[in-house]
Protein backbone atom coordinates (compact mmCIF):
# COMPACT_ATOMS: atom_id res chain seq x y z
CA MET A 1 44.05 202.48 -44.25
CA ASN A 2 43.53 205.00 -47.04
CA GLU A 3 45.35 202.70 -49.46
CA THR A 4 42.95 199.86 -48.67
CA MET A 5 39.98 202.11 -49.31
CA ALA A 6 41.49 203.26 -52.62
CA GLU A 7 41.90 199.65 -53.76
CA SER A 8 38.19 198.86 -53.37
CA PRO A 9 36.07 201.64 -54.91
CA PRO A 10 32.32 201.53 -54.27
CA SER A 11 30.32 199.27 -56.58
CA ARG A 12 28.48 200.83 -59.52
CA LEU A 13 24.76 200.16 -59.24
CA ILE A 14 23.47 199.66 -62.78
CA GLY A 15 19.77 199.28 -63.51
CA TYR A 16 18.04 197.57 -66.42
CA ALA A 17 14.39 198.38 -67.18
CA ARG A 18 12.26 196.89 -69.94
CA VAL A 19 8.66 196.87 -71.12
CA SER A 20 7.32 194.77 -73.98
CA THR A 21 5.42 197.32 -76.03
CA VAL A 22 5.66 200.97 -76.98
CA GLY A 23 2.36 201.73 -75.20
CA GLN A 24 3.69 200.62 -71.80
CA THR A 25 5.59 202.95 -69.48
CA LEU A 26 8.93 202.44 -67.76
CA ASP A 27 8.20 204.99 -65.02
CA VAL A 28 7.50 202.55 -62.16
CA GLN A 29 10.63 200.51 -62.87
CA LEU A 30 12.79 203.64 -63.20
CA ASP A 31 11.49 205.01 -59.88
CA GLN A 32 12.24 201.72 -58.10
CA LEU A 33 15.73 201.42 -59.60
CA ARG A 34 16.59 205.02 -58.70
CA ALA A 35 15.29 204.49 -55.16
CA ALA A 36 17.59 201.43 -54.92
CA GLY A 37 20.57 203.65 -55.78
CA CYS A 38 21.02 203.08 -59.52
CA ARG A 39 22.51 206.12 -61.23
CA THR A 40 22.96 204.45 -64.61
CA ILE A 41 19.85 202.76 -66.00
CA PHE A 42 19.64 201.01 -69.37
CA GLN A 43 16.07 201.01 -70.65
CA GLU A 44 14.24 199.71 -73.69
CA LYS A 45 10.81 198.87 -75.05
CA VAL A 46 11.17 195.46 -76.65
CA SER A 47 9.88 191.92 -76.11
CA GLY A 48 11.86 189.82 -73.65
CA VAL A 49 11.96 186.93 -76.11
CA LYS A 50 13.95 188.97 -78.65
CA SER A 51 17.66 188.21 -78.72
CA ASP A 52 18.68 191.55 -80.26
CA ARG A 53 18.04 193.82 -77.28
CA LYS A 54 20.51 196.62 -77.96
CA GLU A 55 20.49 198.24 -74.51
CA LEU A 56 20.91 194.91 -72.73
CA THR A 57 23.85 194.05 -74.99
CA ARG A 58 25.37 197.51 -74.38
CA MET A 59 25.02 197.10 -70.63
CA LEU A 60 26.59 193.64 -70.62
CA LYS A 61 29.55 194.82 -72.71
CA GLY A 62 30.31 197.67 -70.31
CA LEU A 63 30.29 195.65 -67.09
CA GLN A 64 33.30 195.83 -64.80
CA PRO A 65 34.26 193.65 -61.82
CA GLY A 66 32.36 194.76 -58.74
CA ASP A 67 29.40 196.23 -60.63
CA VAL A 68 25.90 195.35 -59.44
CA VAL A 69 23.18 194.88 -62.09
CA MET A 70 19.67 195.41 -60.75
CA VAL A 71 16.19 194.76 -62.16
CA THR A 72 12.81 195.29 -60.52
CA LYS A 73 11.68 191.73 -61.35
CA LEU A 74 13.31 188.73 -63.03
CA ASP A 75 10.90 188.81 -65.98
CA ARG A 76 12.24 192.25 -66.92
CA LEU A 77 15.55 190.57 -67.77
CA ALA A 78 14.31 187.44 -69.58
CA ARG A 79 11.17 185.45 -70.39
CA SER A 80 12.64 181.95 -70.11
CA ILE A 81 14.87 180.16 -67.62
CA PHE A 82 17.36 179.39 -70.38
CA ASP A 83 17.76 183.06 -71.35
CA LEU A 84 17.77 184.20 -67.72
CA PHE A 85 20.57 181.79 -66.86
CA SER A 86 22.55 182.81 -69.94
CA ILE A 87 22.31 186.54 -69.11
CA VAL A 88 23.01 186.16 -65.39
CA LYS A 89 25.99 183.92 -66.22
CA ARG A 90 27.42 186.66 -68.47
CA ILE A 91 27.02 189.15 -65.61
CA ASN A 92 28.70 186.73 -63.23
CA ASP A 93 31.52 185.96 -65.70
CA ALA A 94 32.25 189.71 -65.94
CA GLY A 95 32.93 189.72 -62.20
CA ALA A 96 29.70 191.62 -61.55
CA ARG A 97 26.75 190.78 -59.33
CA PHE A 98 23.05 190.44 -60.16
CA ARG A 99 20.10 191.45 -57.97
CA SER A 100 16.33 191.52 -58.36
CA ILE A 101 14.41 193.98 -56.17
CA ALA A 102 11.19 191.94 -56.07
CA GLN A 103 12.90 188.57 -55.57
CA GLU A 104 15.36 189.15 -52.70
CA TRP A 105 16.71 185.60 -53.01
CA ALA A 106 17.92 186.46 -56.54
CA ASP A 107 21.22 188.03 -55.46
CA THR A 108 24.38 186.37 -56.80
CA GLY A 109 26.41 188.16 -54.12
CA SER A 110 24.93 185.84 -51.49
CA ALA A 111 25.35 182.11 -50.96
CA GLN A 112 21.62 181.68 -51.56
CA GLY A 113 21.89 183.61 -54.82
CA ARG A 114 24.83 181.53 -56.03
CA MET A 115 22.84 178.40 -55.27
CA MET A 116 19.98 179.93 -57.28
CA LEU A 117 22.37 180.38 -60.22
CA ALA A 118 23.38 176.72 -60.05
CA VAL A 119 19.72 175.63 -59.87
CA MET A 120 18.88 177.90 -62.82
CA GLY A 121 21.66 176.22 -64.81
CA GLY A 122 20.05 172.83 -64.20
CA MET A 123 16.58 174.13 -65.04
CA ALA A 124 17.91 175.78 -68.21
CA GLU A 125 19.35 172.44 -69.29
CA VAL A 126 15.99 170.73 -68.64
CA GLU A 127 14.21 173.48 -70.60
CA ARG A 128 16.65 173.06 -73.47
CA GLU A 129 16.10 169.28 -73.52
CA MET A 130 12.32 169.79 -73.55
CA ILE A 131 12.63 172.17 -76.51
CA LEU A 132 14.85 169.68 -78.34
CA THR A 133 12.36 166.86 -77.61
CA ARG A 134 9.40 168.92 -78.88
CA THR A 135 11.39 169.90 -81.97
CA ALA A 136 12.29 166.27 -82.68
CA GLU A 137 8.68 165.17 -82.21
CA GLY A 138 7.49 167.93 -84.55
CA LYS A 139 10.01 166.85 -87.18
CA ALA A 140 8.91 163.22 -86.86
CA ARG A 141 5.27 164.21 -87.39
CA LYS A 142 6.17 166.33 -90.44
CA LYS A 143 8.30 163.52 -91.85
CA ALA A 144 5.40 161.07 -91.41
CA ARG A 145 3.16 163.48 -93.33
CA GLY A 146 5.82 164.04 -96.00
CA GLU A 147 6.15 167.74 -95.13
CA LEU A 148 9.76 167.76 -93.95
CA ARG A 149 12.08 169.82 -96.13
CA GLU A 150 15.50 168.56 -97.15
CA GLY A 151 18.55 169.92 -95.35
CA ARG A 152 19.05 171.15 -91.82
CA PRO A 153 17.41 174.39 -90.66
CA PRO A 154 19.78 177.19 -89.66
CA LYS A 155 20.87 177.03 -86.01
CA LEU A 156 20.51 180.80 -85.57
CA ASN A 157 17.68 183.03 -86.74
CA PRO A 158 18.46 186.29 -88.62
CA ALA A 159 18.32 188.43 -85.44
CA GLN A 160 20.68 186.05 -83.62
CA ARG A 161 23.11 186.04 -86.56
CA LYS A 162 23.10 189.84 -86.59
CA GLU A 163 23.74 190.03 -82.83
CA ALA A 164 26.53 187.42 -83.05
CA LEU A 165 28.30 189.35 -85.81
CA ALA A 166 27.96 192.64 -83.91
CA ARG A 167 29.47 191.07 -80.81
CA LEU A 168 32.36 189.63 -82.83
CA ASP A 169 32.98 193.11 -84.27
CA ASP A 170 33.09 194.43 -80.70
CA GLY A 171 35.90 192.01 -79.84
CA GLU A 172 34.11 189.12 -78.15
CA THR A 173 35.63 185.70 -78.80
CA LEU A 174 34.00 183.03 -80.96
CA VAL A 175 33.73 180.72 -77.94
CA ASP A 176 31.95 183.32 -75.76
CA VAL A 177 29.46 184.23 -78.49
CA ALA A 178 28.83 180.56 -79.31
CA ARG A 179 28.24 179.73 -75.65
CA THR A 180 25.53 182.38 -75.40
CA PHE A 181 23.57 180.84 -78.28
CA ASN A 182 24.38 177.27 -77.24
CA VAL A 183 26.02 176.43 -80.57
CA SER A 184 29.53 175.38 -81.54
CA HIS A 185 32.16 178.05 -82.21
CA SER A 186 32.38 176.78 -85.81
CA THR A 187 28.72 177.79 -86.31
CA ILE A 188 29.65 181.34 -85.33
CA GLN A 189 32.84 181.22 -87.37
CA ARG A 190 30.85 180.35 -90.50
CA LEU A 191 28.95 183.64 -90.15
CA LYS A 192 32.08 185.75 -90.55
CA PRO A 193 32.60 185.40 -94.35
CA ARG A 194 29.10 186.82 -94.86
CA VAL A 195 30.30 190.17 -93.57
CA GLY A 196 31.85 192.28 -96.28
CA SER A 197 30.99 189.75 -98.97
């Protein structure tokens, strides 16, 4: 009986708190996460649309199977369905579980939560297609006006390139990094020669 208990240690409850601007306070989120049992809380003051959130990246890298990542509300983790799905999928792939205090249905440890993850994946794909459609329409309008520049725009912005390189340095595979940014692994591979050059 003791051996069985030793094989399944209690889950680590890990909190993530975020506000968008320096003037806002994290106090309410921190109080709620502590009340929910989180002893470790990653916190930062940065926009949810930014891809280079250092504390979020640090938290994701340190996840272990059985961990539970908690936020007070879904919008503290991400500002779009695509990003939310991408982050929750990384938590899930690490063998950890995700929970939102405000949205009780957002718990990947339950059947309802796993269904939510699958639905989010579909919605993320729809969101991505809408972005691609708007981008294509914008390009067509610019081309019609003669404003379109020659050559393809970079697939990753400077902040995304920096994050991708940092994650490669930390040992993540090309495929995993590429999947996060929804690009091919060759796109990520082409970034590598820029380091140390």
